[in-house]
């Protein structure tokens, strides 16, 4: 499983370094309110976040999709993957547990061997966060 996580992270780095940059017009807050409330944000590298925002940062619950195909669904605190949630690699079983700053600190049944693993980094907002009206 650690190989799959490493492969996912490597894909993320390679795509960010060698792929064409997405047109800035197709990134940013695409729907909802990416300041305070539910909103969908697309990053310039193709990553996506669909969930809750507070003061312009990810908070409470949401889904983060890396452009490599991996995704996480669960809690966010202060713009970080922190709380209960599940990481879904491109291939293989998902990893369910409690996370702190993107690191698995305790796992539910079947994911115990992954405790201590760290998720690929998540993007920060690059531009205006004004909601679409």
Foldseek 3Di string as FASTA:
>chain_A
DVVLQVVLLVLLVCLQPPPDWADPVPFAWPADAQQAAWTWTADRSGKIKTGGHHRNADAAWIKIARPSGKIKTGGDDPNAQAAWIWIGGNDDDIWTAGDDRQAHCQGDPPRRVRHGDGHHDDDHDDDDHGHDD
